[in-house]
Amino acid sequence: MDLIKAVLAVAGIVLFITGLTIGGREIALRANAHYAPREEQVRHNTFECSQSHSDGMAREIRQYQDQYGTADAAGKTIIRQRVLQDAESQNSDACPFPSDVQSFVQSLR
């Protein structure tokens, strides 16, 4: 009789710990699903405002500026659309372009 009680007690403890483990993982997964998009958005905003991203965007627009001078009418239209699209994606209030890039973008508008 004592052996049966001991086995049942151990089985109960094992089931309880298993339930806690599964429940804890479920809570962690739900919390991660809730907070992960917010964290990723913060990470994305931080990257977009980083110096390396701003420098890369400015470098790319300067390359378009060089190509714009030698392009035909159709090429100028495509370059204009691309530059304006890139300029719109850049948060110009928090991370402004250098003045030469800003003037080129303004001339295309």
PDB file of N, CA and C in Angstrom:
ATOM      1  N   MET A   1       0.813  -1.185   0.000  1.00  0.00           N
ATOM      2  CA  MET A   1       0.000   0.000   0.000  1.00  0.00           C
ATOM      3  C   MET A   1       0.866   1.263   0.000  1.00  0.00           C
ATOM      4  N   ASP A   2       1.902   1.268   0.807  1.00  0.00           N
ATOM      5  CA  ASP A   2       2.800   2.411   0.847  1.00  0.00           C
ATOM      6  C   ASP A   2       3.550   2.571  -0.477  1.00  0.00           C
ATOM      7  N   LEU A   3       3.856   1.445  -1.108  1.00  0.00           N
ATOM      8  CA  LEU A   3       4.544   1.498  -2.399  1.00  0.00           C
ATOM      9  C   LEU A   3       3.655   2.136  -3.466  1.00  0.00           C
ATOM     10  N   ILE A   4       2.385   1.800  -3.467  1.00  0.00           N
ATOM     11  CA  ILE A   4       1.444   2.356  -4.437  1.00  0.00           C
ATOM     12  C   ILE A   4       1.311   3.868  -4.230  1.00  0.00           C
ATOM     13  N   LYS A   5       1.225   4.293  -2.985  1.00  0.00           N
ATOM     14  CA  LYS A   5       1.125   5.722  -2.680  1.00  0.00           C
ATOM     15  C   LYS A   5       2.382   6.459  -3.122  1.00  0.00           C
ATOM     16  N   ALA A   6       3.517   5.841  -2.933  1.00  0.00           N
ATOM     17  CA  ALA A   6       4.777   6.474  -3.330  1.00  0.00           C
ATOM     18  C   ALA A   6       4.859   6.595  -4.851  1.00  0.00           C
ATOM     19  N   VAL A   7       4.467   5.549  -5.569  1.00  0.00           N
ATOM     20  CA  VAL A   7       4.496   5.567  -7.029  1.00  0.00           C
ATOM     21  C   VAL A   7       3.512   6.609  -7.559  1.00  0.00           C
ATOM     22  N   LEU A   8       2.314   6.656  -6.993  1.00  0.00           N
ATOM     23  CA  LEU A   8       1.328   7.641  -7.410  1.00  0.00           C
ATOM     24  C   LEU A   8       1.798   9.070  -7.095  1.00  0.00           C
ATOM     25  N   ALA A   9       2.466   9.246  -5.971  1.00  0.00           N
ATOM     26  CA  ALA A   9       2.979  10.570  -5.612  1.00  0.00           C
ATOM     27  C   ALA A   9       4.050  11.006  -6.598  1.00  0.00           C
ATOM     28  N   VAL A  10       4.949  10.100  -6.954  1.00  0.00           N
ATOM     29  CA  VAL A  10       6.004  10.422  -7.924  1.00  0.00           C
ATOM     30  C   VAL A  10       5.381  10.711  -9.290  1.00  0.00           C
ATOM     31  N   ALA A  11       4.416   9.893  -9.701  1.00  0.00           N
ATOM     32  CA  ALA A  11       3.744  10.109 -10.983  1.00  0.00           C
ATOM     33  C   ALA A  11       3.019  11.451 -10.980  1.00  0.00           C
ATOM     34  N   GLY A  12       2.397  11.789  -9.894  1.00  0.00           N
ATOM     35  CA  GLY A  12       1.707  13.077  -9.779  1.00  0.00           C
ATOM     36  C   GLY A  12       2.677  14.243  -9.873  1.00  0.00           C
ATOM     37  N   ILE A  13       3.803  14.115  -9.212  1.00  0.00           N
ATOM     38  CA  ILE A  13       4.812  15.172  -9.264  1.00  0.00           C
ATOM     39  C   ILE A  13       5.358  15.321 -10.683  1.00  0.00           C
ATOM     40  N   VAL A  14       5.614  14.196 -11.347  1.00  0.00           N
ATOM     41  CA  VAL A  14       6.119  14.232 -12.721  1.00  0.00           C
ATOM     42  C   VAL A  14       5.090  14.890 -13.642  1.00  0.00           C
ATOM     43  N   LEU A  15       3.820  14.533 -13.517  1.00  0.00           N
ATOM     44  CA  LEU A  15       2.781  15.143 -14.335  1.00  0.00           C
ATOM     45  C   LEU A  15       2.639  16.634 -14.041  1.00  0.00           C
ATOM     46  N   PHE A  16       2.752  17.013 -12.783  1.00  0.00           N
ATOM     47  CA  PHE A  16       2.660  18.415 -12.401  1.00  0.00           C
ATOM     48  C   PHE A  16       3.804  19.218 -13.021  1.00  0.00           C
ATOM     49  N   ILE A  17       5.017  18.704 -12.930  1.00  0.00           N
ATOM     50  CA  ILE A  17       6.179  19.391 -13.498  1.00  0.00           C
ATOM     51  C   ILE A  17       6.060  19.462 -15.019  1.00  0.00           C
ATOM     52  N   THR A  18       5.584  18.382 -15.652  1.00  0.00           N
ATOM     53  CA  THR A  18       5.378  18.384 -17.098  1.00  0.00           C
ATOM     54  C   THR A  18       4.346  19.442 -17.486  1.00  0.00           C
ATOM     55  N   GLY A  19       3.276  19.525 -16.744  1.00  0.00           N
ATOM     56  CA  GLY A  19       2.249  20.545 -17.007  1.00  0.00           C
ATOM     57  C   GLY A  19       2.792  21.948 -16.857  1.00  0.00           C
ATOM     58  N   LEU A  20       3.602  22.172 -15.825  1.00  0.00           N
ATOM     59  CA  LEU A  20       4.206  23.483 -15.638  1.00  0.00           C
ATOM     60  C   LEU A  20       5.147  23.835 -16.795  1.00  0.00           C
ATOM     61  N   THR A  21       5.906  22.854 -17.242  1.00  0.00           N
ATOM     62  CA  THR A  21       6.847  23.082 -18.340  1.00  0.00           C
ATOM     63  C   THR A  21       6.097  23.424 -19.628  1.00  0.00           C
ATOM     64  N   ILE A  22       5.097  22.650 -19.959  1.00  0.00           N
ATOM     65  CA  ILE A  22       4.325  22.899 -21.176  1.00  0.00           C
ATOM     66  C   ILE A  22       3.587  24.232 -21.064  1.00  0.00           C
ATOM     67  N   GLY A  23       3.000  24.496 -19.911  1.00  0.00           N
ATOM     68  CA  GLY A  23       2.302  25.767 -19.703  1.00  0.00           C
ATOM     69  C   GLY A  23       3.250  26.951 -19.791  1.00  0.00           C
ATOM     70  N   GLY A  24       4.428  26.824 -19.219  1.00  0.00           N
ATOM     71  CA  GLY A  24       5.415  27.901 -19.283  1.00  0.00           C
ATOM     72  C   GLY A  24       5.864  28.178 -20.698  1.00  0.00           C
ATOM     73  N   ARG A  25       6.062  27.114 -21.457  1.00  0.00           N
ATOM     74  CA  ARG A  25       6.463  27.300 -22.862  1.00  0.00           C
ATOM     75  C   ARG A  25       5.345  27.955 -23.658  1.00  0.00           C
ATOM     76  N   GLU A  26       4.121  27.560 -23.395  1.00  0.00           N
ATOM     77  CA  GLU A  26       2.982  28.152 -24.098  1.00  0.00           C
ATOM     78  C   GLU A  26       2.871  29.642 -23.792  1.00  0.00           C
ATOM     79  N   ILE A  27       3.036  30.002 -22.552  1.00  0.00           N
ATOM     80  CA  ILE A  27       2.993  31.416 -22.157  1.00  0.00           C
ATOM     81  C   ILE A  27       4.128  32.185 -22.832  1.00  0.00           C
ATOM     82  N   ALA A  28       5.304  31.591 -22.851  1.00  0.00           N
ATOM     83  CA  ALA A  28       6.452  32.250 -23.480  1.00  0.00           C
ATOM     84  C   ALA A  28       6.226  32.431 -24.977  1.00  0.00           C
ATOM     85  N   LEU A  29       5.665  31.438 -25.648  1.00  0.00           N
ATOM     86  CA  LEU A  29       5.401  31.551 -27.080  1.00  0.00           C
ATOM     87  C   LEU A  29       4.363  32.625 -27.376  1.00  0.00           C
ATOM     88  N   ARG A  30       3.316  32.671 -26.561  1.00  0.00           N
ATOM     89  CA  ARG A  30       2.284  33.694 -26.763  1.00  0.00           C
ATOM     90  C   ARG A  30       2.840  35.093 -26.494  1.00  0.00           C
ATOM     91  N   ALA A  31       3.663  35.231 -25.461  1.00  0.00           N
ATOM     92  CA  ALA A  31       4.260  36.531 -25.159  1.00  0.00           C
ATOM     93  C   ALA A  31       5.205  36.951 -26.285  1.00  0.00           C
ATOM     94  N   ASN A  32       5.963  36.009 -26.807  1.00  0.00           N
ATOM     95  CA  ASN A  32       6.880  36.313 -27.909  1.00  0.00           C
ATOM     96  C   ASN A  32       6.101  36.721 -29.155  1.00  0.00           C
ATOM     97  N   ALA A  33       5.007  36.044 -29.434  1.00  0.00           N
ATOM     98  CA  ALA A  33       4.195  36.397 -30.599  1.00  0.00           C
ATOM     99  C   ALA A  33       3.603  37.797 -30.441  1.00  0.00           C
ATOM    100  N   HIS A  34       3.340  38.195 -29.227  1.00  0.00           N
ATOM    101  CA  HIS A  34       2.769  39.517 -28.977  1.00  0.00           C
ATOM    102  C   HIS A  34       3.816  40.628 -29.058  1.00  0.00           C
ATOM    103  N   TYR A  35       4.980  40.391 -28.478  1.00  0.00           N
ATOM    104  CA  TYR A  35       5.992  41.449 -28.382  1.00  0.00           C
ATOM    105  C   TYR A  35       7.009  41.457 -29.515  1.00  0.00           C
ATOM    106  N   ALA A  36       7.188  40.348 -30.211  1.00  0.00           N
ATOM    107  CA  ALA A  36       8.212  40.276 -31.260  1.00  0.00           C
ATOM    108  C   ALA A  36       8.003  41.297 -32.379  1.00  0.00           C
ATOM    109  N   PRO A  37       6.778  41.490 -32.882  1.00  0.00           N
ATOM    110  CA  PRO A  37       6.618  42.496 -33.942  1.00  0.00           C
ATOM    111  C   PRO A  37       6.996  43.900 -33.482  1.00  0.00           C
ATOM    112  N   ARG A  38       6.684  44.244 -32.248  1.00  0.00           N
ATOM    113  CA  ARG A  38       7.046  45.569 -31.734  1.00  0.00           C
ATOM    114  C   ARG A  38       8.563  45.715 -31.646  1.00  0.00           C
ATOM    115  N   GLU A  39       9.214  44.688 -31.152  1.00  0.00           N
ATOM    116  CA  GLU A  39      10.670  44.736 -31.052  1.00  0.00           C
ATOM    117  C   GLU A  39      11.309  44.830 -32.438  1.00  0.00           C
ATOM    118  N   GLU A  40      10.756  44.099 -33.387  1.00  0.00           N
ATOM    119  CA  GLU A  40      11.304  44.142 -34.741  1.00  0.00           C
ATOM    120  C   GLU A  40      11.094  45.514 -35.366  1.00  0.00           C
ATOM    121  N   GLN A  41       9.950  46.145 -35.089  1.00  0.00           N
ATOM    122  CA  GLN A  41       9.709  47.482 -35.621  1.00  0.00           C
ATOM    123  C   GLN A  41      10.699  48.477 -35.041  1.00  0.00           C
ATOM    124  N   VAL A  42      10.991  48.369 -33.762  1.00  0.00           N
ATOM    125  CA  VAL A  42      11.979  49.252 -33.138  1.00  0.00           C
ATOM    126  C   VAL A  42      13.347  49.017 -33.757  1.00  0.00           C
ATOM    127  N   ARG A  43      13.704  47.764 -33.960  1.00  0.00           N
ATOM    128  CA  ARG A  43      14.989  47.425 -34.578  1.00  0.00           C
ATOM    129  C   ARG A  43      15.055  47.999 -36.002  1.00  0.00           C
ATOM    130  N   HIS A  44      13.951  47.887 -36.724  1.00  0.00           N
ATOM    131  CA  HIS A  44      13.901  48.398 -38.098  1.00  0.00           C
ATOM    132  C   HIS A  44      14.036  49.921 -38.107  1.00  0.00           C
ATOM    133  N   ASN A  45      13.309  50.598 -37.232  1.00  0.00           N
ATOM    134  CA  ASN A  45      13.394  52.064 -37.170  1.00  0.00           C
ATOM    135  C   ASN A  45      14.797  52.519 -36.781  1.00  0.00           C
ATOM    136  N   THR A  46      15.408  51.800 -35.865  1.00  0.00           N
ATOM    137  CA  THR A  46      16.767  52.144 -35.448  1.00  0.00           C
ATOM    138  C   THR A  46      17.733  51.996 -36.612  1.00  0.00           C
ATOM    139  N   PHE A  47      17.586  50.916 -37.384  1.00  0.00           N
ATOM    140  CA  PHE A  47      18.459  50.716 -38.542  1.00  0.00           C
ATOM    141  C   PHE A  47      18.238  51.804 -39.579  1.00  0.00           C
ATOM    142  N   GLU A  48      16.960  52.142 -39.856  1.00  0.00           N
ATOM    143  CA  GLU A  48      16.691  53.151 -40.871  1.00  0.00           C
ATOM    144  C   GLU A  48      17.282  54.500 -40.509  1.00  0.00           C
ATOM    145  N   CYS A  49      17.444  54.746 -39.228  1.00  0.00           N
ATOM    146  CA  CYS A  49      17.982  56.036 -38.805  1.00  0.00           C
ATOM    147  C   CYS A  49      19.479  55.934 -38.509  1.00  0.00           C
ATOM    148  N   SER A  50      20.071  54.801 -38.787  1.00  0.00           N
ATOM    149  CA  SER A  50      21.493  54.651 -38.505  1.00  0.00           C
ATOM    150  C   SER A  50      22.318  55.401 -39.547  1.00  0.00           C
ATOM    151  N   GLN A  51      23.511  55.728 -39.169  1.00  0.00           N
ATOM    152  CA  GLN A  51      24.401  56.481 -40.054  1.00  0.00           C
ATOM    153  C   GLN A  51      24.752  55.663 -41.290  1.00  0.00           C
ATOM    154  N   SER A  52      24.966  54.369 -41.127  1.00  0.00           N
ATOM    155  CA  SER A  52      25.344  53.549 -42.276  1.00  0.00           C
ATOM    156  C   SER A  52      24.211  53.458 -43.288  1.00  0.00           C
ATOM    157  N   HIS A  53      22.977  53.376 -42.824  1.00  0.00           N
ATOM    158  CA  HIS A  53      21.847  53.324 -43.752  1.00  0.00           C
ATOM    159  C   HIS A  53      21.693  54.657 -44.475  1.00  0.00           C
ATOM    160  N   SER A  54      21.805  55.752 -43.747  1.00  0.00           N
ATOM    161  CA  SER A  54      21.688  57.076 -44.369  1.00  0.00           C
ATOM    162  C   SER A  54      22.803  57.301 -45.383  1.00  0.00           C
ATOM    163  N   ASP A  55      24.023  56.910 -45.029  1.00  0.00           N
ATOM    164  CA  ASP A  55      25.140  57.048 -45.965  1.00  0.00           C
ATOM    165  C   ASP A  55      24.926  56.201 -47.211  1.00  0.00           C
ATOM    166  N   GLY A  56      24.425  54.983 -47.020  1.00  0.00           N
ATOM    167  CA  GLY A  56      24.168  54.095 -48.153  1.00  0.00           C
ATOM    168  C   GLY A  56      23.096  54.651 -49.079  1.00  0.00           C
ATOM    169  N   MET A  57      22.032  55.194 -48.495  1.00  0.00           N
ATOM    170  CA  MET A  57      20.976  55.794 -49.316  1.00  0.00           C
ATOM    171  C   MET A  57      21.513  57.002 -50.077  1.00  0.00           C
ATOM    172  N   ALA A  58      22.301  57.845 -49.407  1.00  0.00           N
ATOM    173  CA  ALA A  58      22.868  59.024 -50.062  1.00  0.00           C
ATOM    174  C   ALA A  58      23.814  58.608 -51.187  1.00  0.00           C
ATOM    175  N   ARG A  59      24.622  57.579 -50.948  1.00  0.00           N
ATOM    176  CA  ARG A  59      25.546  57.089 -51.975  1.00  0.00           C
ATOM    177  C   ARG A  59      24.769  56.567 -53.182  1.00  0.00           C
ATOM    178  N   GLU A  60      23.694  55.844 -52.926  1.00  0.00           N
ATOM    179  CA  GLU A  60      22.887  55.297 -54.013  1.00  0.00           C
ATOM    180  C   GLU A  60      22.233  56.421 -54.822  1.00  0.00           C
ATOM    181  N   ILE A  61      21.723  57.438 -54.150  1.00  0.00           N
ATOM    182  CA  ILE A  61      21.091  58.549 -54.866  1.00  0.00           C
ATOM    183  C   ILE A  61      22.136  59.336 -55.654  1.00  0.00           C
ATOM    184  N   ARG A  62      23.343  59.459 -55.130  1.00  0.00           N
ATOM    185  CA  ARG A  62      24.408  60.139 -55.884  1.00  0.00           C
ATOM    186  C   ARG A  62      24.754  59.362 -57.161  1.00  0.00           C
ATOM    187  N   GLN A  63      24.732  58.019 -57.057  1.00  0.00           N
ATOM    188  CA  GLN A  63      24.973  57.210 -58.253  1.00  0.00           C
ATOM    189  C   GLN A  63      23.862  57.423 -59.276  1.00  0.00           C
ATOM    190  N   TYR A  64      22.625  57.515 -58.797  1.00  0.00           N
ATOM    191  CA  TYR A  64      21.513  57.801 -59.697  1.00  0.00           C
ATOM    192  C   TYR A  64      21.671  59.187 -60.317  1.00  0.00           C
ATOM    193  N   GLN A  65      22.195  60.134 -59.536  1.00  0.00           N
ATOM    194  CA  GLN A  65      22.394  61.483 -60.045  1.00  0.00           C
ATOM    195  C   GLN A  65      23.397  61.470 -61.204  1.00  0.00           C
ATOM    196  N   ASP A  66      24.458  60.695 -61.060  1.00  0.00           N
ATOM    197  CA  ASP A  66      25.444  60.575 -62.139  1.00  0.00           C
ATOM    198  C   ASP A  66      24.819  59.936 -63.381  1.00  0.00           C
ATOM    199  N   GLN A  67      24.008  58.902 -63.178  1.00  0.00           N
ATOM    200  CA  GLN A  67      23.359  58.228 -64.300  1.00  0.00           C
ATOM    201  C   GLN A  67      22.289  59.099 -64.937  1.00  0.00           C
ATOM    202  N   TYR A  68      21.664  59.936 -64.145  1.00  0.00           N
ATOM    203  CA  TYR A  68      20.593  60.798 -64.634  1.00  0.00           C
ATOM    204  C   TYR A  68      21.100  61.771 -65.697  1.00  0.00           C
ATOM    205  N   GLY A  69      22.324  62.239 -65.508  1.00  0.00           N
ATOM    206  CA  GLY A  69      22.887  63.188 -66.471  1.00  0.00           C
ATOM    207  C   GLY A  69      23.114  62.602 -67.845  1.00  0.00           C
ATOM    208  N   THR A  70      23.372  61.314 -67.930  1.00  0.00           N
ATOM    209  CA  THR A  70      23.677  60.682 -69.212  1.00  0.00           C
ATOM    210  C   THR A  70      22.530  59.842 -69.762  1.00  0.00           C
ATOM    211  N   ALA A  71      21.414  59.778 -69.042  1.00  0.00           N
ATOM    212  CA  ALA A  71      20.309  58.908 -69.458  1.00  0.00           C
ATOM    213  C   ALA A  71      19.436  59.592 -70.501  1.00  0.00           C
ATOM    214  N   ASP A  72      18.747  58.747 -71.286  1.00  0.00           N
ATOM    215  CA  ASP A  72      17.771  59.282 -72.233  1.00  0.00           C
ATOM    216  C   ASP A  72      16.465  59.594 -71.488  1.00  0.00           C
ATOM    217  N   ALA A  73      15.439  60.013 -72.187  1.00  0.00           N
ATOM    218  CA  ALA A  73      14.191  60.442 -71.547  1.00  0.00           C
ATOM    219  C   ALA A  73      13.535  59.314 -70.747  1.00  0.00           C
ATOM    220  N   ALA A  74      13.495  58.116 -71.308  1.00  0.00           N
ATOM    221  CA  ALA A  74      12.891  56.984 -70.597  1.00  0.00           C
ATOM    222  C   ALA A  74      13.708  56.624 -69.361  1.00  0.00           C
ATOM    223  N   GLY A  75      15.022  56.663 -69.510  1.00  0.00           N
ATOM    224  CA  GLY A  75      15.896  56.364 -68.371  1.00  0.00           C
ATOM    225  C   GLY A  75      15.758  57.399 -67.271  1.00  0.00           C
ATOM    226  N   LYS A  76      15.613  58.670 -67.662  1.00  0.00           N
ATOM    227  CA  LYS A  76      15.433  59.727 -66.665  1.00  0.00           C
ATOM    228  C   LYS A  76      14.134  59.537 -65.891  1.00  0.00           C
ATOM    229  N   THR A  77      13.098  59.105 -66.575  1.00  0.00           N
ATOM    230  CA  THR A  77      11.816  58.861 -65.904  1.00  0.00           C
ATOM    231  C   THR A  77      11.954  57.744 -64.868  1.00  0.00           C
ATOM    232  N   ILE A  78      12.634  56.683 -65.243  1.00  0.00           N
ATOM    233  CA  ILE A  78      12.817  55.551 -64.328  1.00  0.00           C
ATOM    234  C   ILE A  78      13.677  55.960 -63.143  1.00  0.00           C
ATOM    235  N   ILE A  79      14.766  56.668 -63.412  1.00  0.00           N
ATOM    236  CA  ILE A  79      15.648  57.114 -62.331  1.00  0.00           C
ATOM    237  C   ILE A  79      14.904  58.072 -61.410  1.00  0.00           C
ATOM    238  N   ARG A  80      14.126  58.980 -61.989  1.00  0.00           N
ATOM    239  CA  ARG A  80      13.355  59.925 -61.187  1.00  0.00           C
ATOM    240  C   ARG A  80      12.399  59.194 -60.246  1.00  0.00           C
ATOM    241  N   GLN A  81      11.668  58.205 -60.782  1.00  0.00           N
ATOM    242  CA  GLN A  81      10.733  57.441 -59.952  1.00  0.00           C
ATOM    243  C   GLN A  81      11.466  56.729 -58.824  1.00  0.00           C
ATOM    244  N   ARG A  82      12.605  56.136 -59.140  1.00  0.00           N
ATOM    245  CA  ARG A  82      13.361  55.382 -58.133  1.00  0.00           C
ATOM    246  C   ARG A  82      13.908  56.302 -57.041  1.00  0.00           C
ATOM    247  N   VAL A  83      14.451  57.452 -57.444  1.00  0.00           N
ATOM    248  CA  VAL A  83      15.011  58.389 -56.463  1.00  0.00           C
ATOM    249  C   VAL A  83      13.911  58.921 -55.563  1.00  0.00           C
ATOM    250  N   LEU A  84      12.778  59.290 -56.145  1.00  0.00           N
ATOM    251  CA  LEU A  84      11.678  59.809 -55.335  1.00  0.00           C
ATOM    252  C   LEU A  84      11.128  58.739 -54.393  1.00  0.00           C
ATOM    253  N   GLN A  85      11.095  57.499 -54.858  1.00  0.00           N
ATOM    254  CA  GLN A  85      10.648  56.398 -54.005  1.00  0.00           C
ATOM    255  C   GLN A  85      11.612  56.198 -52.835  1.00  0.00           C
ATOM    256  N   ASP A  86      12.898  56.228 -53.112  1.00  0.00           N
ATOM    257  CA  ASP A  86      13.893  56.087 -52.047  1.00  0.00           C
ATOM    258  C   ASP A  86      13.832  57.257 -51.073  1.00  0.00           C
ATOM    259  N   ALA A  87      13.630  58.452 -51.602  1.00  0.00           N
ATOM    260  CA  ALA A  87      13.566  59.632 -50.748  1.00  0.00           C
ATOM    261  C   ALA A  87      12.336  59.588 -49.856  1.00  0.00           C
ATOM    262  N   GLU A  88      11.232  59.061 -50.361  1.00  0.00           N
ATOM    263  CA  GLU A  88      10.021  58.952 -49.553  1.00  0.00           C
ATOM    264  C   GLU A  88      10.192  57.928 -48.434  1.00  0.00           C
ATOM    265  N   SER A  89      10.946  56.873 -48.691  1.00  0.00           N
ATOM    266  CA  SER A  89      11.136  55.838 -47.674  1.00  0.00           C
ATOM    267  C   SER A  89      12.072  56.289 -46.562  1.00  0.00           C
ATOM    268  N   GLN A  90      12.876  57.296 -46.830  1.00  0.00           N
ATOM    269  CA  GLN A  90      13.804  57.812 -45.832  1.00  0.00           C
ATOM    270  C   GLN A  90      13.054  58.772 -44.912  1.00  0.00           C
ATOM    271  N   ASN A  91      13.216  58.589 -43.610  1.00  0.00           N
ATOM    272  CA  ASN A  91      12.594  59.488 -42.636  1.00  0.00           C
ATOM    273  C   ASN A  91      13.409  60.774 -42.601  1.00  0.00           C
ATOM    274  N   SER A  92      13.011  61.744 -43.399  1.00  0.00           N
ATOM    275  CA  SER A  92      13.837  62.939 -43.575  1.00  0.00           C
ATOM    276  C   SER A  92      13.838  63.848 -42.359  1.00  0.00           C
ATOM    277  N   ASP A  93      12.842  63.730 -41.483  1.00  0.00           N
ATOM    278  CA  ASP A  93      12.825  64.569 -40.286  1.00  0.00           C
ATOM    279  C   ASP A  93      13.886  64.122 -39.288  1.00  0.00           C
ATOM    280  N   ALA A  94      13.962  62.832 -39.054  1.00  0.00           N
ATOM    281  CA  ALA A  94      14.912  62.316 -38.071  1.00  0.00           C
ATOM    282  C   ALA A  94      16.303  62.116 -38.663  1.00  0.00           C
ATOM    283  N   CYS A  95      16.369  61.766 -39.936  1.00  0.00           N
ATOM    284  CA  CYS A  95      17.641  61.444 -40.583  1.00  0.00           C
ATOM    285  C   CYS A  95      17.714  62.139 -41.937  1.00  0.00           C
ATOM    286  N   PRO A  96      18.010  63.401 -41.982  1.00  0.00           N
ATOM    287  CA  PRO A  96      18.007  64.111 -43.265  1.00  0.00           C
ATOM    288  C   PRO A  96      19.178  63.698 -44.154  1.00  0.00           C
ATOM    289  N   PHE A  97      18.960  63.848 -45.458  1.00  0.00           N
ATOM    290  CA  PHE A  97      20.025  63.618 -46.433  1.00  0.00           C
ATOM    291  C   PHE A  97      21.007  64.787 -46.400  1.00  0.00           C
ATOM    292  N   PRO A  98      22.213  64.572 -46.924  1.00  0.00           N
ATOM    293  CA  PRO A  98      23.137  65.705 -47.103  1.00  0.00           C
ATOM    294  C   PRO A  98      22.524  66.725 -48.072  1.00  0.00           C
ATOM    295  N   SER A  99      23.021  67.946 -48.031  1.00  0.00           N
ATOM    296  CA  SER A  99      22.409  69.038 -48.798  1.00  0.00           C
ATOM    297  C   SER A  99      22.446  68.801 -50.302  1.00  0.00           C
ATOM    298  N   ASP A 100      23.534  68.216 -50.826  1.00  0.00           N
ATOM    299  CA  ASP A 100      23.593  67.983 -52.268  1.00  0.00           C
ATOM    300  C   ASP A 100      22.553  66.959 -52.717  1.00  0.00           C
ATOM    301  N   VAL A 101      22.332  65.962 -51.889  1.00  0.00           N
ATOM    302  CA  VAL A 101      21.328  64.947 -52.219  1.00  0.00           C
ATOM    303  C   VAL A 101      19.931  65.548 -52.093  1.00  0.00           C
ATOM    304  N   GLN A 102      19.710  66.353 -51.073  1.00  0.00           N
ATOM    305  CA  GLN A 102      18.409  67.003 -50.903  1.00  0.00           C
ATOM    306  C   GLN A 102      18.091  67.900 -52.089  1.00  0.00           C
ATOM    307  N   SER A 103      19.079  68.651 -52.571  1.00  0.00           N
ATOM    308  CA  SER A 103      18.819  69.535 -53.701  1.00  0.00           C
ATOM    309  C   SER A 103      18.515  68.737 -54.974  1.00  0.00           C
ATOM    310  N   PHE A 104      19.185  67.599 -55.172  1.00  0.00           N
ATOM    311  CA  PHE A 104      18.888  66.759 -56.336  1.00  0.00           C
ATOM    312  C   PHE A 104      17.472  66.209 -56.251  1.00  0.00           C
ATOM    313  N   VAL A 105      17.086  65.731 -55.072  1.00  0.00           N
ATOM    314  CA  VAL A 105      15.738  65.197 -54.907  1.00  0.00           C
ATOM    315  C   VAL A 105      14.706  66.307 -55.130  1.00  0.00           C
ATOM    316  N   GLN A 106      14.956  67.501 -54.616  1.00  0.00           N
ATOM    317  CA  GLN A 106      14.039  68.622 -54.812  1.00  0.00           C
ATOM    318  C   GLN A 106      13.925  68.998 -56.287  1.00  0.00           C
ATOM    319  N   SER A 107      15.016  68.888 -57.012  1.00  0.00           N
ATOM    320  CA  SER A 107      14.965  69.225 -58.439  1.00  0.00           C
ATOM    321  C   SER A 107      14.135  68.212 -59.229  1.00  0.00           C
ATOM    322  N   LEU A 108      14.006  66.991 -58.726  1.00  0.00           N
ATOM    323  CA  LEU A 108      13.222  65.976 -59.404  1.00  0.00           C
ATOM    324  C   LEU A 108      11.731  66.088 -59.092  1.00  0.00           C
ATOM    325  N   ARG A 109      11.403  66.757 -58.021  1.00  0.00           N
ATOM    326  CA  ARG A 109       9.984  66.872 -57.642  1.00  0.00           C
ATOM    327  C   ARG A 109       9.274  67.876 -58.423  1.00  0.00           C
TER     328      ARG A 109
END
